[in-house]
PDB file of N, CA and C in Angstrom:
ATOM      1  N   MET A   1     -69.943  80.748 -20.694  1.00  0.00           N
ATOM      2  CA  MET A   1     -68.476  80.908 -20.775  1.00  0.00           C
ATOM      3  C   MET A   1     -67.856  79.621 -20.106  1.00  0.00           C
ATOM      4  N   LYS A   2     -66.514  79.538 -20.307  1.00  0.00           N
ATOM      5  CA  LYS A   2     -65.853  78.374 -19.633  1.00  0.00           C
ATOM      6  C   LYS A   2     -64.430  78.773 -19.310  1.00  0.00           C
ATOM      7  N   ILE A   3     -63.894  78.307 -18.348  1.00  0.00           N
ATOM      8  CA  ILE A   3     -62.685  78.591 -17.902  1.00  0.00           C
ATOM      9  C   ILE A   3     -61.574  77.950 -18.951  1.00  0.00           C
ATOM     10  N   LYS A   4     -60.658  78.695 -19.475  1.00  0.00           N
ATOM     11  CA  LYS A   4     -59.870  78.142 -20.578  1.00  0.00           C
ATOM     12  C   LYS A   4     -58.888  77.048 -19.951  1.00  0.00           C
ATOM     13  N   LYS A   5     -58.685  76.115 -20.883  1.00  0.00           N
ATOM     14  CA  LYS A   5     -57.704  75.076 -20.473  1.00  0.00           C
ATOM     15  C   LYS A   5     -56.282  75.586 -20.235  1.00  0.00           C
ATOM     16  N   GLY A   6     -55.693  74.913 -19.137  1.00  0.00           N
ATOM     17  CA  GLY A   6     -54.347  75.340 -18.797  1.00  0.00           C
ATOM     18  C   GLY A   6     -54.271  76.394 -17.643  1.00  0.00           C
ATOM     19  N   PHE A   7     -55.301  76.687 -17.157  1.00  0.00           N
ATOM     20  CA  PHE A   7     -55.423  77.612 -15.975  1.00  0.00           C
ATOM     21  C   PHE A   7     -55.863  76.826 -14.781  1.00  0.00           C
ATOM     22  N   PHE A   8     -55.150  77.005 -13.669  1.00  0.00           N
ATOM     23  CA  PHE A   8     -55.483  76.124 -12.428  1.00  0.00           C
ATOM     24  C   PHE A   8     -55.354  77.112 -11.251  1.00  0.00           C
ATOM     25  N   LEU A   9     -56.262  76.777 -10.296  1.00  0.00           N
ATOM     26  CA  LEU A   9     -56.234  77.430  -9.028  1.00  0.00           C
ATOM     27  C   LEU A   9     -55.375  76.710  -8.060  1.00  0.00           C
ATOM     28  N   ARG A  10     -54.373  77.473  -7.502  1.00  0.00           N
ATOM     29  CA  ARG A  10     -53.384  76.815  -6.511  1.00  0.00           C
ATOM     30  C   ARG A  10     -53.454  77.776  -5.310  1.00  0.00           C
ATOM     31  N   SER A  11     -53.161  76.945  -4.163  1.00  0.00           N
ATOM     32  CA  SER A  11     -52.950  77.750  -2.935  1.00  0.00           C
ATOM     33  C   SER A  11     -51.364  77.841  -2.744  1.00  0.00           C
ATOM     34  N   ILE A  12     -50.872  79.062  -2.752  1.00  0.00           N
ATOM     35  CA  ILE A  12     -49.425  79.293  -2.600  1.00  0.00           C
ATOM     36  C   ILE A  12     -49.257  80.218  -1.456  1.00  0.00           C
ATOM     37  N   CYS A  13     -48.637  79.665  -0.461  1.00  0.00           N
ATOM     38  CA  CYS A  13     -48.362  80.490   0.802  1.00  0.00           C
ATOM     39  C   CYS A  13     -49.593  81.080   1.411  1.00  0.00           C
ATOM     40  N   GLY A  14     -50.743  80.389   1.309  1.00  0.00           N
ATOM     41  CA  GLY A  14     -51.948  80.771   1.948  1.00  0.00           C
ATOM     42  C   GLY A  14     -52.853  81.533   0.975  1.00  0.00           C
ATOM     43  N   GLU A  15     -52.244  81.925  -0.153  1.00  0.00           N
ATOM     44  CA  GLU A  15     -52.971  82.688  -1.135  1.00  0.00           C
ATOM     45  C   GLU A  15     -53.518  81.877  -2.240  1.00  0.00           C
ATOM     46  N   ASN A  16     -54.811  82.195  -2.675  1.00  0.00           N
ATOM     47  CA  ASN A  16     -55.396  81.609  -3.925  1.00  0.00           C
ATOM     48  C   ASN A  16     -54.972  82.244  -5.133  1.00  0.00           C
ATOM     49  N   ILE A  17     -54.198  81.528  -5.944  1.00  0.00           N
ATOM     50  CA  ILE A  17     -53.605  82.058  -7.182  1.00  0.00           C
ATOM     51  C   ILE A  17     -53.970  81.241  -8.340  1.00  0.00           C
ATOM     52  N   VAL A  18     -54.197  81.953  -9.460  1.00  0.00           N
ATOM     53  CA  VAL A  18     -54.488  81.163 -10.760  1.00  0.00           C
ATOM     54  C   VAL A  18     -53.183  81.218 -11.353  1.00  0.00           C
ATOM     55  N   VAL A  19     -52.797  79.992 -11.834  1.00  0.00           N
ATOM     56  CA  VAL A  19     -51.405  79.783 -12.524  1.00  0.00           C
ATOM     57  C   VAL A  19     -51.795  79.187 -13.903  1.00  0.00           C
ATOM     58  N   ALA A  20     -50.916  79.563 -14.832  1.00  0.00           N
ATOM     59  CA  ALA A  20     -51.062  79.070 -16.227  1.00  0.00           C
ATOM     60  C   ALA A  20     -49.971  77.805 -16.276  1.00  0.00           C
ATOM     61  N   GLU A  21     -50.543  76.806 -16.896  1.00  0.00           N
ATOM     62  CA  GLU A  21     -49.512  75.637 -17.168  1.00  0.00           C
ATOM     63  C   GLU A  21     -49.515  75.403 -18.626  1.00  0.00           C
ATOM     64  N   GLY A  22     -48.429  75.116 -19.176  1.00  0.00           N
ATOM     65  CA  GLY A  22     -48.273  74.934 -20.625  1.00  0.00           C
ATOM     66  C   GLY A  22     -47.595  76.173 -21.245  1.00  0.00           C
ATOM     67  N   LYS A  23     -46.778  75.981 -22.111  1.00  0.00           N
ATOM     68  CA  LYS A  23     -45.921  77.187 -22.682  1.00  0.00           C
ATOM     69  C   LYS A  23     -46.805  78.166 -23.361  1.00  0.00           C
ATOM     70  N   GLU A  24     -47.930  77.666 -24.011  1.00  0.00           N
ATOM     71  CA  GLU A  24     -48.912  78.695 -24.735  1.00  0.00           C
ATOM     72  C   GLU A  24     -49.510  79.638 -23.768  1.00  0.00           C
ATOM     73  N   ASN A  25     -49.586  79.389 -22.501  1.00  0.00           N
ATOM     74  CA  ASN A  25     -50.175  80.179 -21.579  1.00  0.00           C
ATOM     75  C   ASN A  25     -49.231  81.006 -20.648  1.00  0.00           C
ATOM     76  N   ILE A  26     -48.000  80.924 -20.816  1.00  0.00           N
ATOM     77  CA  ILE A  26     -47.022  81.539 -19.966  1.00  0.00           C
ATOM     78  C   ILE A  26     -46.955  83.165 -20.311  1.00  0.00           C
ATOM     79  N   ASP A  27     -47.339  83.850 -19.187  1.00  0.00           N
ATOM     80  CA  ASP A  27     -47.293  85.410 -19.334  1.00  0.00           C
ATOM     81  C   ASP A  27     -47.084  85.723 -17.876  1.00  0.00           C
ATOM     82  N   PHE A  28     -45.874  86.163 -17.427  1.00  0.00           N
ATOM     83  CA  PHE A  28     -45.603  86.491 -16.131  1.00  0.00           C
ATOM     84  C   PHE A  28     -45.934  87.802 -15.750  1.00  0.00           C
ATOM     85  N   SER A  29     -46.533  88.645 -16.701  1.00  0.00           N
ATOM     86  CA  SER A  29     -46.857  89.933 -16.441  1.00  0.00           C
ATOM     87  C   SER A  29     -48.081  90.159 -15.489  1.00  0.00           C
ATOM     88  N   ASN A  30     -48.933  89.256 -15.341  1.00  0.00           N
ATOM     89  CA  ASN A  30     -50.016  89.232 -14.441  1.00  0.00           C
ATOM     90  C   ASN A  30     -50.085  88.098 -13.501  1.00  0.00           C
ATOM     91  N   ILE A  31     -50.200  88.343 -12.233  1.00  0.00           N
ATOM     92  CA  ILE A  31     -50.545  87.288 -11.360  1.00  0.00           C
ATOM     93  C   ILE A  31     -51.886  87.434 -10.845  1.00  0.00           C
ATOM     94  N   ILE A  32     -52.738  86.415 -10.963  1.00  0.00           N
ATOM     95  CA  ILE A  32     -54.127  86.572 -10.665  1.00  0.00           C
ATOM     96  C   ILE A  32     -54.418  85.898  -9.259  1.00  0.00           C
ATOM     97  N   SER A  33     -54.812  86.758  -8.202  1.00  0.00           N
ATOM     98  CA  SER A  33     -54.979  86.338  -6.948  1.00  0.00           C
ATOM     99  C   SER A  33     -56.432  86.451  -6.776  1.00  0.00           C
ATOM    100  N   MET A  34     -57.032  85.397  -5.979  1.00  0.00           N
ATOM    101  CA  MET A  34     -58.426  85.364  -5.832  1.00  0.00           C
ATOM    102  C   MET A  34     -58.809  85.333  -4.297  1.00  0.00           C
ATOM    103  N   ASN A  35     -59.849  86.000  -3.938  1.00  0.00           N
ATOM    104  CA  ASN A  35     -60.293  85.929  -2.506  1.00  0.00           C
ATOM    105  C   ASN A  35     -61.071  84.586  -2.371  1.00  0.00           C
ATOM    106  N   GLU A  36     -61.537  84.437  -1.140  1.00  0.00           N
ATOM    107  CA  GLU A  36     -62.254  83.147  -0.720  1.00  0.00           C
ATOM    108  C   GLU A  36     -63.467  82.902  -1.733  1.00  0.00           C
ATOM    109  N   SER A  37     -64.237  83.904  -1.838  1.00  0.00           N
ATOM    110  CA  SER A  37     -65.632  83.680  -2.747  1.00  0.00           C
ATOM    111  C   SER A  37     -65.286  83.409  -4.192  1.00  0.00           C
ATOM    112  N   SER A  38     -64.260  84.244  -4.768  1.00  0.00           N
ATOM    113  CA  SER A  38     -63.968  84.037  -6.257  1.00  0.00           C
ATOM    114  C   SER A  38     -63.347  82.722  -6.356  1.00  0.00           C
ATOM    115  N   ALA A  39     -62.512  82.198  -5.424  1.00  0.00           N
ATOM    116  CA  ALA A  39     -61.905  80.758  -5.551  1.00  0.00           C
ATOM    117  C   ALA A  39     -62.950  79.800  -5.357  1.00  0.00           C
ATOM    118  N   TYR A  40     -63.943  79.914  -4.515  1.00  0.00           N
ATOM    119  CA  TYR A  40     -65.000  79.072  -4.387  1.00  0.00           C
ATOM    120  C   TYR A  40     -65.736  78.952  -5.725  1.00  0.00           C
ATOM    121  N   LEU A  41     -65.984  79.997  -6.298  1.00  0.00           N
ATOM    122  CA  LEU A  41     -66.641  79.913  -7.621  1.00  0.00           C
ATOM    123  C   LEU A  41     -65.919  79.346  -8.694  1.00  0.00           C
ATOM    124  N   TRP A  42     -64.723  79.568  -8.775  1.00  0.00           N
ATOM    125  CA  TRP A  42     -63.602  78.856  -9.725  1.00  0.00           C
ATOM    126  C   TRP A  42     -63.812  77.361  -9.512  1.00  0.00           C
ATOM    127  N   GLU A  43     -63.654  76.991  -8.377  1.00  0.00           N
ATOM    128  CA  GLU A  43     -63.722  75.580  -8.124  1.00  0.00           C
ATOM    129  C   GLU A  43     -64.996  74.887  -8.421  1.00  0.00           C
ATOM    130  N   LYS A  44     -66.073  75.648  -8.402  1.00  0.00           N
ATOM    131  CA  LYS A  44     -67.421  75.000  -8.732  1.00  0.00           C
ATOM    132  C   LYS A  44     -67.712  74.975 -10.119  1.00  0.00           C
ATOM    133  N   VAL A  45     -67.042  75.759 -11.039  1.00  0.00           N
ATOM    134  CA  VAL A  45     -67.303  75.979 -12.337  1.00  0.00           C
ATOM    135  C   VAL A  45     -66.289  75.466 -13.318  1.00  0.00           C
ATOM    136  N   VAL A  46     -65.038  74.952 -12.687  1.00  0.00           N
ATOM    137  CA  VAL A  46     -64.001  74.537 -13.602  1.00  0.00           C
ATOM    138  C   VAL A  46     -64.516  73.401 -14.434  1.00  0.00           C
ATOM    139  N   ASP A  47     -64.152  73.334 -15.695  1.00  0.00           N
ATOM    140  CA  ASP A  47     -64.618  72.307 -16.675  1.00  0.00           C
ATOM    141  C   ASP A  47     -66.055  72.231 -16.945  1.00  0.00           C
ATOM    142  N   LYS A  48     -66.885  73.392 -16.498  1.00  0.00           N
ATOM    143  CA  LYS A  48     -68.246  73.464 -16.852  1.00  0.00           C
ATOM    144  C   LYS A  48     -68.523  74.758 -17.648  1.00  0.00           C
ATOM    145  N   ASN A  49     -69.627  74.817 -18.326  1.00  0.00           N
ATOM    146  CA  ASN A  49     -69.969  76.050 -18.882  1.00  0.00           C
ATOM    147  C   ASN A  49     -70.907  76.710 -17.889  1.00  0.00           C
ATOM    148  N   PHE A  50     -70.711  78.033 -17.819  1.00  0.00           N
ATOM    149  CA  PHE A  50     -71.372  78.858 -16.737  1.00  0.00           C
ATOM    150  C   PHE A  50     -71.755  80.216 -17.163  1.00  0.00           C
ATOM    151  N   THR A  51     -72.694  80.895 -16.470  1.00  0.00           N
ATOM    152  CA  THR A  51     -73.056  82.263 -16.824  1.00  0.00           C
ATOM    153  C   THR A  51     -72.922  83.078 -15.434  1.00  0.00           C
ATOM    154  N   ALA A  52     -73.015  84.272 -15.554  1.00  0.00           N
ATOM    155  CA  ALA A  52     -73.067  85.166 -14.187  1.00  0.00           C
ATOM    156  C   ALA A  52     -74.247  84.794 -13.507  1.00  0.00           C
ATOM    157  N   ASP A  53     -75.327  84.380 -13.839  1.00  0.00           N
ATOM    158  CA  ASP A  53     -76.558  83.790 -13.172  1.00  0.00           C
ATOM    159  C   ASP A  53     -76.198  82.598 -12.368  1.00  0.00           C
ATOM    160  N   ASP A  54     -75.395  81.703 -13.129  1.00  0.00           N
ATOM    161  CA  ASP A  54     -74.921  80.493 -12.308  1.00  0.00           C
ATOM    162  C   ASP A  54     -74.133  80.886 -11.158  1.00  0.00           C
ATOM    163  N   LEU A  55     -73.161  81.693 -11.381  1.00  0.00           N
ATOM    164  CA  LEU A  55     -72.367  82.235 -10.303  1.00  0.00           C
ATOM    165  C   LEU A  55     -73.045  82.904  -9.149  1.00  0.00           C
ATOM    166  N   ALA A  56     -74.156  83.592  -9.518  1.00  0.00           N
ATOM    167  CA  ALA A  56     -74.936  84.387  -8.560  1.00  0.00           C
ATOM    168  C   ALA A  56     -75.645  83.380  -7.659  1.00  0.00           C
ATOM    169  N   GLN A  57     -76.145  82.334  -8.269  1.00  0.00           N
ATOM    170  CA  GLN A  57     -76.824  81.309  -7.571  1.00  0.00           C
ATOM    171  C   GLN A  57     -76.027  80.533  -6.619  1.00  0.00           C
ATOM    172  N   LEU A  58     -74.764  80.211  -6.992  1.00  0.00           N
ATOM    173  CA  LEU A  58     -73.777  79.670  -6.178  1.00  0.00           C
ATOM    174  C   LEU A  58     -73.446  80.432  -4.946  1.00  0.00           C
ATOM    175  N   LEU A  59     -73.297  81.763  -5.157  1.00  0.00           N
ATOM    176  CA  LEU A  59     -73.030  82.603  -4.072  1.00  0.00           C
ATOM    177  C   LEU A  59     -74.250  82.667  -3.010  1.00  0.00           C
ATOM    178  N   THR A  60     -75.345  82.734  -3.551  1.00  0.00           N
ATOM    179  CA  THR A  60     -76.646  82.735  -2.690  1.00  0.00           C
ATOM    180  C   THR A  60     -76.664  81.397  -1.916  1.00  0.00           C
ATOM    181  N   ASP A  61     -76.340  80.276  -2.560  1.00  0.00           N
ATOM    182  CA  ASP A  61     -76.357  79.084  -1.839  1.00  0.00           C
ATOM    183  C   ASP A  61     -75.271  78.902  -0.698  1.00  0.00           C
ATOM    184  N   GLU A  62     -74.107  79.632  -0.906  1.00  0.00           N
ATOM    185  CA  GLU A  62     -72.974  79.421  -0.017  1.00  0.00           C
ATOM    186  C   GLU A  62     -72.891  80.521   1.036  1.00  0.00           C
ATOM    187  N   TYR A  63     -73.255  81.746   0.716  1.00  0.00           N
ATOM    188  CA  TYR A  63     -73.015  82.808   1.469  1.00  0.00           C
ATOM    189  C   TYR A  63     -74.511  83.619   1.888  1.00  0.00           C
ATOM    190  N   GLU A  64     -74.508  84.360   2.850  1.00  0.00           N
ATOM    191  CA  GLU A  64     -75.645  85.155   3.151  1.00  0.00           C
ATOM    192  C   GLU A  64     -75.693  86.396   2.413  1.00  0.00           C
ATOM    193  N   VAL A  65     -76.236  86.269   1.230  1.00  0.00           N
ATOM    194  CA  VAL A  65     -76.158  87.466   0.226  1.00  0.00           C
ATOM    195  C   VAL A  65     -77.441  87.411  -0.513  1.00  0.00           C
ATOM    196  N   ASP A  66     -78.080  88.422  -0.805  1.00  0.00           N
ATOM    197  CA  ASP A  66     -79.317  88.425  -1.702  1.00  0.00           C
ATOM    198  C   ASP A  66     -78.844  88.254  -3.069  1.00  0.00           C
ATOM    199  N   TYR A  67     -79.761  87.851  -3.909  1.00  0.00           N
ATOM    200  CA  TYR A  67     -79.535  87.449  -5.267  1.00  0.00           C
ATOM    201  C   TYR A  67     -79.101  88.610  -6.097  1.00  0.00           C
ATOM    202  N   ASP A  68     -79.598  89.745  -5.942  1.00  0.00           N
ATOM    203  CA  ASP A  68     -79.296  90.934  -6.685  1.00  0.00           C
ATOM    204  C   ASP A  68     -77.821  91.396  -6.490  1.00  0.00           C
ATOM    205  N   THR A  69     -77.476  91.441  -5.295  1.00  0.00           N
ATOM    206  CA  THR A  69     -76.086  91.763  -4.892  1.00  0.00           C
ATOM    207  C   THR A  69     -75.175  90.680  -5.454  1.00  0.00           C
ATOM    208  N   ALA A  70     -75.559  89.391  -5.282  1.00  0.00           N
ATOM    209  CA  ALA A  70     -74.741  88.244  -5.965  1.00  0.00           C
ATOM    210  C   ALA A  70     -74.562  88.374  -7.409  1.00  0.00           C
ATOM    211  N   LEU A  71     -75.653  88.687  -8.008  1.00  0.00           N
ATOM    212  CA  LEU A  71     -75.528  88.807  -9.517  1.00  0.00           C
ATOM    213  C   LEU A  71     -74.696  90.064  -9.995  1.00  0.00           C
ATOM    214  N   THR A  72     -74.714  91.184  -9.180  1.00  0.00           N
ATOM    215  CA  THR A  72     -73.932  92.308  -9.604  1.00  0.00           C
ATOM    216  C   THR A  72     -72.406  91.825  -9.381  1.00  0.00           C
ATOM    217  N   ASP A  73     -72.147  91.287  -8.247  1.00  0.00           N
ATOM    218  CA  ASP A  73     -70.759  90.759  -8.007  1.00  0.00           C
ATOM    219  C   ASP A  73     -70.336  89.691  -9.023  1.00  0.00           C
ATOM    220  N   ALA A  74     -71.290  88.891  -9.367  1.00  0.00           N
ATOM    221  CA  ALA A  74     -70.832  87.749 -10.400  1.00  0.00           C
ATOM    222  C   ALA A  74     -70.581  88.317 -11.736  1.00  0.00           C
ATOM    223  N   LYS A  75     -71.384  89.418 -12.165  1.00  0.00           N
ATOM    224  CA  LYS A  75     -71.160  90.113 -13.443  1.00  0.00           C
ATOM    225  C   LYS A  75     -69.898  90.746 -13.373  1.00  0.00           C
ATOM    226  N   ALA A  76     -69.400  91.332 -12.259  1.00  0.00           N
ATOM    227  CA  ALA A  76     -68.143  92.121 -12.144  1.00  0.00           C
ATOM    228  C   ALA A  76     -67.039  91.101 -12.219  1.00  0.00           C
ATOM    229  N   LEU A  77     -67.195  89.884 -11.631  1.00  0.00           N
ATOM    230  CA  LEU A  77     -66.148  88.871 -11.576  1.00  0.00           C
ATOM    231  C   LEU A  77     -65.990  88.426 -12.931  1.00  0.00           C
ATOM    232  N   THR A  78     -67.045  88.006 -13.609  1.00  0.00           N
ATOM    233  CA  THR A  78     -66.867  87.395 -15.098  1.00  0.00           C
ATOM    234  C   THR A  78     -66.237  88.433 -16.081  1.00  0.00           C
ATOM    235  N   THR A  79     -66.486  89.721 -15.672  1.00  0.00           N
ATOM    236  CA  THR A  79     -65.806  90.704 -16.583  1.00  0.00           C
ATOM    237  C   THR A  79     -64.318  90.741 -16.258  1.00  0.00           C
ATOM    238  N   GLN A  80     -63.877  90.567 -15.060  1.00  0.00           N
ATOM    239  CA  GLN A  80     -62.466  90.571 -14.702  1.00  0.00           C
ATOM    240  C   GLN A  80     -61.879  89.291 -15.294  1.00  0.00           C
ATOM    241  N   TRP A  81     -62.541  88.191 -15.185  1.00  0.00           N
ATOM    242  CA  TRP A  81     -62.026  86.883 -15.740  1.00  0.00           C
ATOM    243  C   TRP A  81     -61.829  87.045 -17.176  1.00  0.00           C
ATOM    244  N   ILE A  82     -62.818  87.683 -17.902  1.00  0.00           N
ATOM    245  CA  ILE A  82     -62.739  87.739 -19.349  1.00  0.00           C
ATOM    246  C   ILE A  82     -61.488  88.639 -19.713  1.00  0.00           C
ATOM    247  N   ASN A  83     -61.399  89.862 -19.035  1.00  0.00           N
ATOM    248  CA  ASN A  83     -60.451  90.786 -19.282  1.00  0.00           C
ATOM    249  C   ASN A  83     -58.997  90.322 -19.088  1.00  0.00           C
ATOM    250  N   ALA A  84     -58.966  89.337 -18.109  1.00  0.00           N
ATOM    251  CA  ALA A  84     -57.609  88.698 -17.697  1.00  0.00           C
ATOM    252  C   ALA A  84     -57.280  87.554 -18.632  1.00  0.00           C
ATOM    253  N   GLY A  85     -58.213  87.233 -19.613  1.00  0.00           N
ATOM    254  CA  GLY A  85     -58.015  86.038 -20.373  1.00  0.00           C
ATOM    255  C   GLY A  85     -58.135  84.700 -19.786  1.00  0.00           C
ATOM    256  N   LEU A  86     -58.843  84.587 -18.804  1.00  0.00           N
ATOM    257  CA  LEU A  86     -59.015  83.294 -18.094  1.00  0.00           C
ATOM    258  C   LEU A  86     -60.168  82.357 -18.531  1.00  0.00           C
ATOM    259  N   VAL A  87     -61.119  83.083 -19.291  1.00  0.00           N
ATOM    260  CA  VAL A  87     -62.368  82.268 -19.708  1.00  0.00           C
ATOM    261  C   VAL A  87     -62.518  82.583 -21.210  1.00  0.00           C
ATOM    262  N   ASP A  88     -63.210  81.596 -21.759  1.00  0.00           N
ATOM    263  CA  ASP A  88     -63.793  81.846 -23.159  1.00  0.00           C
ATOM    264  C   ASP A  88     -65.120  82.032 -23.164  1.00  0.00           C
ATOM    265  N   GLU A  89     -65.624  83.106 -23.865  1.00  0.00           N
ATOM    266  CA  GLU A  89     -67.025  83.515 -23.866  1.00  0.00           C
ATOM    267  C   GLU A  89     -67.635  82.639 -25.036  1.00  0.00           C
ATOM    268  N   GLU A  90     -68.747  81.837 -24.748  1.00  0.00           N
ATOM    269  CA  GLU A  90     -69.318  81.048 -25.671  1.00  0.00           C
ATOM    270  C   GLU A  90     -70.678  81.451 -26.022  1.00  0.00           C
TER     271      GLU A  90
END
């Protein structure tokens, strides 16, 4: 999968927020807020193809978490990103 063009992570008033730029992406019905670890993952995979396994590996590299827990969290996160329309499944 890959983050769709036109979505960017911004820090707004101390919060990590995904914003859509470009008129084709404007939908103010959802504001996507990210915690520290999801923002870290977003920054690592922007403009790259990635899988839940890739995200899990990034989590284990950065945080003190075992791979199985990281993979469970990465799968949940990718599902959220897909449901929010932030990524293309390839």
